Amino acid sequence: MAPIPHPPTEPQDDPETYVGLDAGEAERRAQTRGWSTVRALPPGAIITMEYRAGRLNFEVKDGQVVRAWKG
């Protein structure tokens, strides 16, 4: 029987704290707080909706984070 997978634990970090930050600063901060993947997206970007533990998504408009969410 195959072993049960154990997804990585996510940082205890509130994505809302990134809203309003400069995109570069937000990405650096997220990486230092333990996010394994940080993805910056333009408003309205078409993305897949699969959930990836350890990933933090930013919607960036004019160089500033306007929305942030896990997965």
N, C-alpha and C. Protein backbone atom coordinates (compact mmCIF):
# COMPACT_ATOMS: atom_id res chain seq x y z
N MET A 1 0.84 -1.17 0.00
CA MET A 1 0.00 0.00 0.00
C MET A 1 0.89 1.24 0.00
N ALA A 2 0.49 2.24 -0.76
CA ALA A 2 1.26 3.49 -0.86
C ALA A 2 1.12 4.30 0.42
N PRO A 3 2.17 5.03 0.77
CA PRO A 3 2.08 5.86 1.98
C PRO A 3 1.10 7.01 1.77
N ILE A 4 0.52 7.47 2.86
CA ILE A 4 -0.40 8.60 2.82
C ILE A 4 0.42 9.88 2.64
N PRO A 5 0.10 10.69 1.63
CA PRO A 5 0.87 11.93 1.42
C PRO A 5 0.59 12.94 2.53
N HIS A 6 1.61 13.69 2.86
CA HIS A 6 1.49 14.75 3.87
C HIS A 6 1.90 16.07 3.23
N PRO A 7 0.90 16.91 2.89
CA PRO A 7 1.24 18.19 2.26
C PRO A 7 2.06 19.05 3.22
N PRO A 8 2.91 19.92 2.67
CA PRO A 8 3.70 20.79 3.54
C PRO A 8 2.80 21.74 4.32
N THR A 9 3.26 22.09 5.51
CA THR A 9 2.48 23.05 6.29
C THR A 9 2.68 24.44 5.72
N GLU A 10 1.63 25.24 5.81
CA GLU A 10 1.69 26.61 5.31
C GLU A 10 2.11 27.55 6.42
N PRO A 11 2.74 28.64 6.08
CA PRO A 11 3.08 29.64 7.09
C PRO A 11 1.81 30.17 7.77
N GLN A 12 1.91 30.47 9.03
CA GLN A 12 0.80 31.09 9.75
C GLN A 12 0.86 32.59 9.46
N ASP A 13 0.34 32.95 8.31
CA ASP A 13 0.48 34.29 7.77
C ASP A 13 -0.84 34.69 7.12
N ASP A 14 -1.33 35.87 7.39
CA ASP A 14 -2.59 36.35 6.82
C ASP A 14 -2.32 37.03 5.48
N PRO A 15 -2.87 36.50 4.39
CA PRO A 15 -2.65 37.11 3.08
C PRO A 15 -3.07 38.58 3.01
N GLU A 16 -4.04 38.98 3.80
CA GLU A 16 -4.51 40.37 3.76
C GLU A 16 -3.42 41.37 4.15
N THR A 17 -2.40 40.92 4.88
CA THR A 17 -1.33 41.85 5.29
C THR A 17 -0.47 42.31 4.11
N TYR A 18 -0.61 41.66 2.96
CA TYR A 18 0.17 42.02 1.78
C TYR A 18 -0.53 43.06 0.90
N VAL A 19 -1.83 43.21 1.07
CA VAL A 19 -2.59 44.15 0.25
C VAL A 19 -2.11 45.57 0.53
N GLY A 20 -1.80 46.29 -0.54
CA GLY A 20 -1.33 47.66 -0.44
C GLY A 20 0.18 47.79 -0.52
N LEU A 21 0.90 46.67 -0.43
CA LEU A 21 2.35 46.70 -0.51
C LEU A 21 2.82 46.76 -1.96
N ASP A 22 4.02 47.28 -2.16
CA ASP A 22 4.70 47.19 -3.45
C ASP A 22 4.89 45.71 -3.76
N ALA A 23 4.68 45.30 -5.00
CA ALA A 23 4.74 43.88 -5.38
C ALA A 23 6.08 43.24 -5.04
N GLY A 24 7.17 43.93 -5.30
CA GLY A 24 8.49 43.38 -5.00
C GLY A 24 8.69 43.18 -3.51
N GLU A 25 8.29 44.15 -2.71
CA GLU A 25 8.41 44.04 -1.26
C GLU A 25 7.52 42.92 -0.73
N ALA A 26 6.31 42.80 -1.27
CA ALA A 26 5.39 41.73 -0.84
C ALA A 26 5.99 40.35 -1.13
N GLU A 27 6.59 40.19 -2.30
CA GLU A 27 7.20 38.90 -2.66
C GLU A 27 8.37 38.58 -1.73
N ARG A 28 9.22 39.54 -1.46
CA ARG A 28 10.35 39.31 -0.54
C ARG A 28 9.86 38.94 0.85
N ARG A 29 8.85 39.67 1.32
CA ARG A 29 8.30 39.40 2.66
C ARG A 29 7.69 38.00 2.72
N ALA A 30 6.95 37.61 1.68
CA ALA A 30 6.32 36.28 1.66
C ALA A 30 7.37 35.18 1.69
N GLN A 31 8.45 35.34 0.95
CA GLN A 31 9.50 34.33 0.93
C GLN A 31 10.19 34.22 2.28
N THR A 32 10.42 35.34 2.96
CA THR A 32 11.05 35.27 4.28
C THR A 32 10.12 34.67 5.33
N ARG A 33 8.82 34.74 5.09
CA ARG A 33 7.85 34.17 6.03
C ARG A 33 7.56 32.69 5.74
N GLY A 34 8.23 32.13 4.71
CA GLY A 34 8.14 30.70 4.50
C GLY A 34 7.27 30.21 3.36
N TRP A 35 6.73 31.10 2.54
CA TRP A 35 5.94 30.65 1.39
C TRP A 35 6.89 30.06 0.36
N SER A 36 6.60 28.84 -0.09
CA SER A 36 7.50 28.17 -1.04
C SER A 36 7.34 28.71 -2.45
N THR A 37 6.15 29.18 -2.80
CA THR A 37 5.88 29.74 -4.12
C THR A 37 5.09 31.03 -3.96
N VAL A 38 5.50 32.06 -4.68
CA VAL A 38 4.78 33.33 -4.70
C VAL A 38 4.48 33.63 -6.16
N ARG A 39 3.21 33.89 -6.44
CA ARG A 39 2.80 34.10 -7.83
C ARG A 39 2.13 35.47 -7.94
N ALA A 40 2.69 36.35 -8.77
CA ALA A 40 2.12 37.68 -9.02
C ALA A 40 1.37 37.64 -10.35
N LEU A 41 0.13 38.10 -10.32
CA LEU A 41 -0.75 38.03 -11.49
C LEU A 41 -1.36 39.39 -11.79
N PRO A 42 -1.56 39.71 -13.07
CA PRO A 42 -2.27 40.94 -13.40
C PRO A 42 -3.78 40.76 -13.15
N PRO A 43 -4.51 41.85 -12.95
CA PRO A 43 -5.96 41.75 -12.76
C PRO A 43 -6.61 41.01 -13.93
N GLY A 44 -7.53 40.11 -13.61
CA GLY A 44 -8.27 39.40 -14.63
C GLY A 44 -7.52 38.26 -15.30
N ALA A 45 -6.35 37.90 -14.77
CA ALA A 45 -5.56 36.81 -15.37
C ALA A 45 -6.34 35.50 -15.28
N ILE A 46 -6.22 34.70 -16.32
CA ILE A 46 -6.85 33.39 -16.33
C ILE A 46 -5.85 32.40 -15.74
N ILE A 47 -6.25 31.75 -14.65
CA ILE A 47 -5.36 30.82 -13.96
C ILE A 47 -6.11 29.53 -13.65
N THR A 48 -5.34 28.48 -13.41
CA THR A 48 -5.95 27.24 -12.96
C THR A 48 -6.33 27.40 -11.49
N MET A 49 -7.31 26.67 -11.05
CA MET A 49 -7.82 26.84 -9.69
C MET A 49 -7.40 25.72 -8.74
N GLU A 50 -6.41 24.91 -9.14
CA GLU A 50 -5.98 23.86 -8.21
C GLU A 50 -5.30 24.50 -7.01
N TYR A 51 -5.47 23.87 -5.87
CA TYR A 51 -4.90 24.40 -4.63
C TYR A 51 -3.52 23.79 -4.44
N ARG A 52 -2.53 24.63 -4.20
CA ARG A 52 -1.17 24.18 -3.91
C ARG A 52 -0.77 24.71 -2.54
N ALA A 53 -0.56 23.79 -1.62
CA ALA A 53 -0.12 24.19 -0.28
C ALA A 53 1.21 24.91 -0.40
N GLY A 54 1.36 25.98 0.35
CA GLY A 54 2.61 26.73 0.34
C GLY A 54 2.71 27.80 -0.73
N ARG A 55 1.64 27.99 -1.52
CA ARG A 55 1.68 29.01 -2.57
C ARG A 55 0.85 30.21 -2.13
N LEU A 56 1.39 31.40 -2.37
CA LEU A 56 0.69 32.65 -2.11
C LEU A 56 0.54 33.39 -3.43
N ASN A 57 -0.68 33.80 -3.74
CA ASN A 57 -0.98 34.49 -4.99
C ASN A 57 -1.22 35.97 -4.73
N PHE A 58 -0.70 36.81 -5.60
CA PHE A 58 -0.94 38.25 -5.54
C PHE A 58 -1.56 38.70 -6.84
N GLU A 59 -2.60 39.53 -6.73
CA GLU A 59 -3.09 40.26 -7.90
C GLU A 59 -2.44 41.63 -7.82
N VAL A 60 -1.70 41.99 -8.87
CA VAL A 60 -0.89 43.20 -8.86
C VAL A 60 -1.39 44.17 -9.93
N LYS A 61 -1.68 45.40 -9.50
CA LYS A 61 -2.10 46.45 -10.42
C LYS A 61 -1.22 47.67 -10.18
N ASP A 62 -0.60 48.18 -11.23
CA ASP A 62 0.29 49.34 -11.15
C ASP A 62 1.39 49.15 -10.10
N GLY A 63 1.91 47.92 -10.02
CA GLY A 63 3.02 47.63 -9.11
C GLY A 63 2.65 47.43 -7.65
N GLN A 64 1.34 47.41 -7.36
CA GLN A 64 0.88 47.29 -5.98
C GLN A 64 -0.05 46.08 -5.84
N VAL A 65 0.07 45.38 -4.73
CA VAL A 65 -0.79 44.22 -4.46
C VAL A 65 -2.18 44.74 -4.10
N VAL A 66 -3.19 44.28 -4.87
CA VAL A 66 -4.57 44.70 -4.61
C VAL A 66 -5.40 43.55 -4.04
N ARG A 67 -4.87 42.33 -4.11
CA ARG A 67 -5.56 41.16 -3.58
C ARG A 67 -4.52 40.09 -3.32
N ALA A 68 -4.70 39.29 -2.28
CA ALA A 68 -3.78 38.19 -1.98
C ALA A 68 -4.58 37.01 -1.43
N TRP A 69 -4.18 35.79 -1.84
CA TRP A 69 -4.88 34.59 -1.36
C TRP A 69 -3.94 33.39 -1.42
N LYS A 70 -4.26 32.40 -0.58
CA LYS A 70 -3.48 31.17 -0.51
C LYS A 70 -3.85 30.24 -1.65
N GLY A 71 -2.93 29.37 -1.98
CA GLY A 71 -3.22 28.29 -2.90
C GLY A 71 -2.74 28.46 -4.26
